[in-house]
Protein backbone atom coordinates (compact mmCIF):
# COMPACT_ATOMS: atom_id res chain seq x y z
CA MET A 1 0.33 18.12 -42.10
CA THR A 2 -2.82 16.51 -43.52
CA GLU A 3 -6.30 17.64 -42.49
CA GLU A 4 -6.76 14.43 -40.48
CA GLU A 5 -3.45 14.99 -38.66
CA SER A 6 -4.47 18.57 -37.96
CA ASP A 7 -7.80 17.42 -36.53
CA ALA A 8 -6.03 14.88 -34.32
CA SER A 9 -3.54 17.48 -33.07
CA ALA A 10 -6.50 19.55 -31.84
CA LEU A 11 -7.14 16.75 -29.31
CA TRP A 12 -3.62 16.83 -27.85
CA GLY A 13 -3.83 17.80 -24.20
CA THR A 14 -7.47 16.70 -23.82
CA ARG A 15 -8.55 14.75 -20.74
CA TYR A 16 -11.86 12.86 -20.60
CA SER A 17 -13.22 11.97 -17.15
CA GLY A 18 -16.01 9.53 -16.53
CA THR A 19 -16.92 6.01 -15.52
CA ALA A 20 -15.90 2.60 -16.81
CA GLU A 21 -18.41 -0.25 -16.48
CA LEU A 22 -16.35 -3.42 -16.35
CA SER A 23 -16.98 -7.14 -16.44
CA VAL A 24 -14.23 -9.68 -15.82
CA GLU A 25 -13.95 -13.44 -16.02
CA VAL A 26 -11.14 -15.00 -14.02
CA TYR A 27 -9.70 -18.41 -14.91
CA ASP A 28 -7.28 -20.82 -13.27
CA PHE A 29 -5.67 -24.17 -14.05
CA CYS A 30 -6.75 -25.85 -10.83
CA ALA A 31 -9.00 -28.52 -12.30
CA SER A 32 -8.04 -32.11 -11.43
CA ASP A 33 -6.71 -32.61 -14.95
CA GLY A 34 -4.89 -29.24 -15.00
CA SER A 35 -7.17 -27.75 -17.63
CA ARG A 36 -8.25 -24.10 -17.70
CA ARG A 37 -11.52 -23.41 -15.91
CA LEU A 38 -13.67 -20.41 -15.00
CA ALA A 39 -13.02 -19.51 -11.36
CA ASP A 40 -14.89 -16.22 -10.91
CA SER A 41 -16.81 -13.50 -12.75
CA GLN A 42 -17.64 -10.00 -11.57
CA SER A 43 -19.07 -6.71 -12.80
CA TYR A 44 -18.26 -3.33 -11.27
CA SER A 45 -17.77 0.40 -11.96
CA LEU A 46 -14.64 2.54 -11.63
CA ASP A 47 -13.82 6.21 -12.06
CA ALA A 48 -11.70 6.50 -15.20
CA THR A 49 -9.76 9.02 -17.27
CA LEU A 50 -8.48 9.11 -20.83
CA ASP A 51 -5.62 11.47 -21.69
CA LEU A 52 -4.58 12.28 -25.25
CA GLY A 53 -1.26 13.94 -26.01
CA ARG A 54 1.30 14.65 -28.67
CA PRO A 55 2.80 11.42 -30.10
CA ARG A 56 5.86 10.56 -28.00
CA SER A 57 9.38 10.79 -29.38
CA ALA A 58 12.65 9.23 -28.20
CA GLY A 59 15.83 7.79 -29.68
CA GLY A 60 15.22 9.53 -32.99
CA GLU A 61 11.80 7.90 -33.45
CA THR A 62 8.25 9.21 -33.06
CA GLU A 63 5.14 7.25 -32.19
CA ASP A 64 3.26 6.49 -35.43
CA ASN A 65 -0.16 7.32 -33.99
CA PRO A 66 -2.33 10.45 -34.29
CA PHE A 67 -1.90 11.01 -30.55
CA SER A 68 -0.47 9.28 -27.51
CA LEU A 69 -3.15 7.63 -25.42
CA LEU A 70 -3.27 6.91 -21.69
CA PHE A 71 -6.38 5.33 -20.17
CA ALA A 72 -6.67 4.55 -16.47
CA ALA A 73 -9.59 3.03 -14.56
CA GLY A 74 -9.27 2.81 -10.77
CA GLU A 75 -6.18 3.20 -8.62
CA PRO A 76 -3.22 1.23 -10.07
CA ALA A 77 -2.66 -0.88 -6.93
CA ASP A 78 -6.34 -1.83 -6.49
CA ALA A 79 -7.89 -5.05 -7.74
CA GLY A 80 -9.87 -4.43 -10.91
CA ALA A 81 -7.81 -1.47 -12.12
CA VAL A 82 -6.93 -1.19 -15.83
CA SER A 83 -4.27 0.82 -17.66
CA PHE A 84 -3.70 1.37 -21.39
CA TRP A 85 -0.56 3.11 -22.69
CA SER A 86 -0.17 3.62 -26.43
CA SER A 87 3.56 4.29 -25.98
CA ALA A 88 6.27 5.00 -23.42
CA VAL A 89 9.91 6.02 -23.26
CA GLY A 90 12.23 3.41 -21.79
CA THR A 91 15.96 3.32 -21.16
CA ALA A 92 18.54 1.31 -23.06
CA SER A 93 22.31 1.00 -23.23
CA SER A 94 24.06 4.18 -24.39
CA GLU A 95 26.12 2.06 -26.79
CA ASP A 96 25.10 -0.34 -29.54
CA LEU A 97 26.66 -3.79 -29.97
CA ALA A 98 29.52 -2.25 -31.97
CA GLY A 99 30.32 0.21 -29.19
CA ASN A 100 28.90 3.23 -31.01
CA SER A 101 27.18 5.90 -28.91
CA ARG A 102 23.39 6.07 -29.14
CA ASP A 103 20.51 7.75 -27.39
CA PRO A 104 19.92 5.83 -24.14
CA GLN A 105 16.20 6.53 -24.45
CA ALA A 106 14.10 4.11 -26.48
CA LEU A 107 10.58 4.58 -27.78
CA LEU A 108 8.25 1.68 -26.99
CA THR A 109 5.00 1.61 -28.96
CA TYR A 110 2.29 -0.70 -27.66
CA TRP A 111 -0.84 0.19 -29.66
CA ASP A 112 -1.75 0.82 -33.27
CA VAL A 113 -4.20 3.73 -33.02
CA ASP A 114 -6.44 4.94 -35.86
CA TRP A 115 -8.74 7.92 -35.52
CA SER A 116 -10.88 9.36 -38.32
CA ASP A 117 -14.18 11.24 -38.45
CA GLY A 118 -14.63 10.85 -34.70
CA GLU A 119 -14.09 7.07 -34.72
CA LEU A 120 -11.32 5.51 -32.66
CA ASP A 121 -10.04 2.05 -33.58
CA ALA A 122 -7.06 0.93 -31.51
CA ARG A 123 -5.38 -2.48 -31.13
CA LEU A 124 -2.62 -3.63 -28.79
CA THR A 125 0.19 -4.90 -31.02
CA ASP A 126 3.12 -5.42 -28.61
CA PRO A 127 2.87 -5.76 -24.81
CA HIS A 128 6.69 -5.40 -24.51
CA THR A 129 6.85 -8.17 -21.91
CA ASP A 130 10.15 -9.30 -23.47
CA GLN A 131 11.66 -5.97 -22.45
CA ALA A 132 10.01 -6.20 -19.00
CA VAL A 133 8.21 -2.91 -19.65
CA ALA A 134 4.60 -4.08 -19.62
CA LEU A 135 2.42 -1.04 -18.91
CA ASN A 136 -0.89 -2.25 -20.34
CA LEU A 137 -2.20 -4.09 -17.31
CA PHE A 138 -5.25 -5.54 -15.61
CA ASN A 139 -4.81 -5.72 -11.85
CA TRP A 140 -6.53 -8.59 -10.06
CA SER A 141 -6.20 -10.42 -6.76
CA SER A 142 -4.35 -13.73 -6.84
CA PRO A 143 -4.06 -16.50 -4.24
CA VAL A 144 -0.99 -16.44 -2.03
CA VAL A 145 -0.59 -20.10 -3.02
CA ALA A 146 -1.85 -21.16 -6.45
CA CYS A 147 -5.10 -23.15 -6.30
CA ARG A 148 -5.45 -22.51 -2.54
CA THR A 149 -7.82 -19.57 -2.15
CA ASP A 150 -8.48 -20.79 1.40
CA LEU A 151 -4.98 -19.56 2.30
CA GLY A 152 -5.83 -16.00 1.34
CA LEU A 153 -5.22 -13.54 -1.48
CA LEU A 154 -2.29 -11.24 -2.15
CA PRO A 155 -3.13 -7.75 -0.84
CA GLY A 156 -4.32 -5.24 -3.43
CA GLY A 157 -3.95 -7.01 -6.73
CA TYR A 158 -1.53 -8.65 -9.15
CA PRO A 159 -0.74 -6.90 -12.48
CA HIS A 160 -1.55 -9.12 -15.47
CA PRO A 161 -0.02 -7.83 -18.76
CA LEU A 162 -2.58 -7.57 -21.54
CA ALA A 163 -2.27 -9.69 -24.66
CA VAL A 164 -1.91 -8.72 -28.31
CA ASP A 165 -5.22 -7.91 -30.03
CA THR A 166 -6.81 -6.26 -27.02
CA THR A 167 -9.07 -3.59 -28.59
CA PHE A 168 -10.27 -0.09 -27.68
CA SER A 169 -12.77 1.56 -30.02
CA GLY A 170 -15.80 3.81 -30.41
CA GLN A 171 -16.76 7.47 -30.66
CA LEU A 172 -14.21 10.12 -29.69
CA ASP A 173 -14.37 13.86 -30.35
CA ALA A 174 -13.30 17.09 -28.70
CA SER A 175 -16.08 16.96 -26.10
CA THR A 176 -16.99 13.34 -25.35
CA ALA A 177 -15.68 9.78 -25.50
CA SER A 178 -17.89 6.70 -25.71
CA LEU A 179 -15.58 3.72 -26.02
CA SER A 180 -15.52 -0.01 -25.43
CA ALA A 181 -12.60 -2.36 -24.81
CA GLU A 182 -12.17 -6.10 -24.86
CA GLY A 183 -9.18 -8.35 -24.29
CA ASP A 184 -7.39 -10.91 -22.18
CA SER A 185 -4.14 -11.27 -20.29
CA THR A 186 -0.95 -12.87 -21.57
CA ASP A 187 -1.24 -15.60 -18.90
CA SER A 188 -4.80 -16.51 -20.06
CA LEU A 189 -6.16 -15.95 -16.52
CA ILE A 190 -8.16 -12.78 -17.21
CA GLU A 191 -10.78 -11.90 -19.83
CA PHE A 192 -12.41 -8.49 -19.60
CA ARG A 193 -14.74 -6.02 -21.28
CA PHE A 194 -15.65 -2.47 -20.40
CA GLU A 195 -17.62 0.55 -21.57
CA PHE A 196 -16.18 4.00 -20.91
CA ASP A 197 -18.16 7.22 -21.16
CA GLY A 198 -16.24 10.40 -20.48
CA THR A 199 -16.52 14.16 -20.90
CA ALA A 200 -13.62 16.43 -21.85
CA SER A 201 -12.47 18.83 -19.19
């Protein structure tokens, strides 16, 4: 194990609790010509946590990151909530196409995470929407009927999978986290930014 890997392993099991200051721009395609337009923008604060753990393993593979990462701002079902998962374990067929037995668990890696000298630099590389296992989400209210906000909004919020190249970066050490994130949704309806400041507990 390299010195950097050893330093990262010292963070496994650490939880940072704090506040995320978010700003969101919401778009729709309800213009008369069907083009994308800005429909709403808001800023707000949410309680948030960041959990770091041992890189996940499944199906004979291990997450190629210094630690697994789980960030959550707000309650998952509430409008405005955000979740980041660096990896997850999904299920697959217990046989390959040739009929050979295989581990029914599959490792899904979403983020490329780099951490060195207290600097985190993470990028979303695969939302896994093709496998229907999108866990990196921005939850936001949507109209019951598209382009008819006068008919009401869906209760709670609607989970929008986050797009490739969403970023999460900043200062991270054993006691504090001061990080920023920026990205958009795969459906091009949400653009967001936030600042997270947390303290290890």
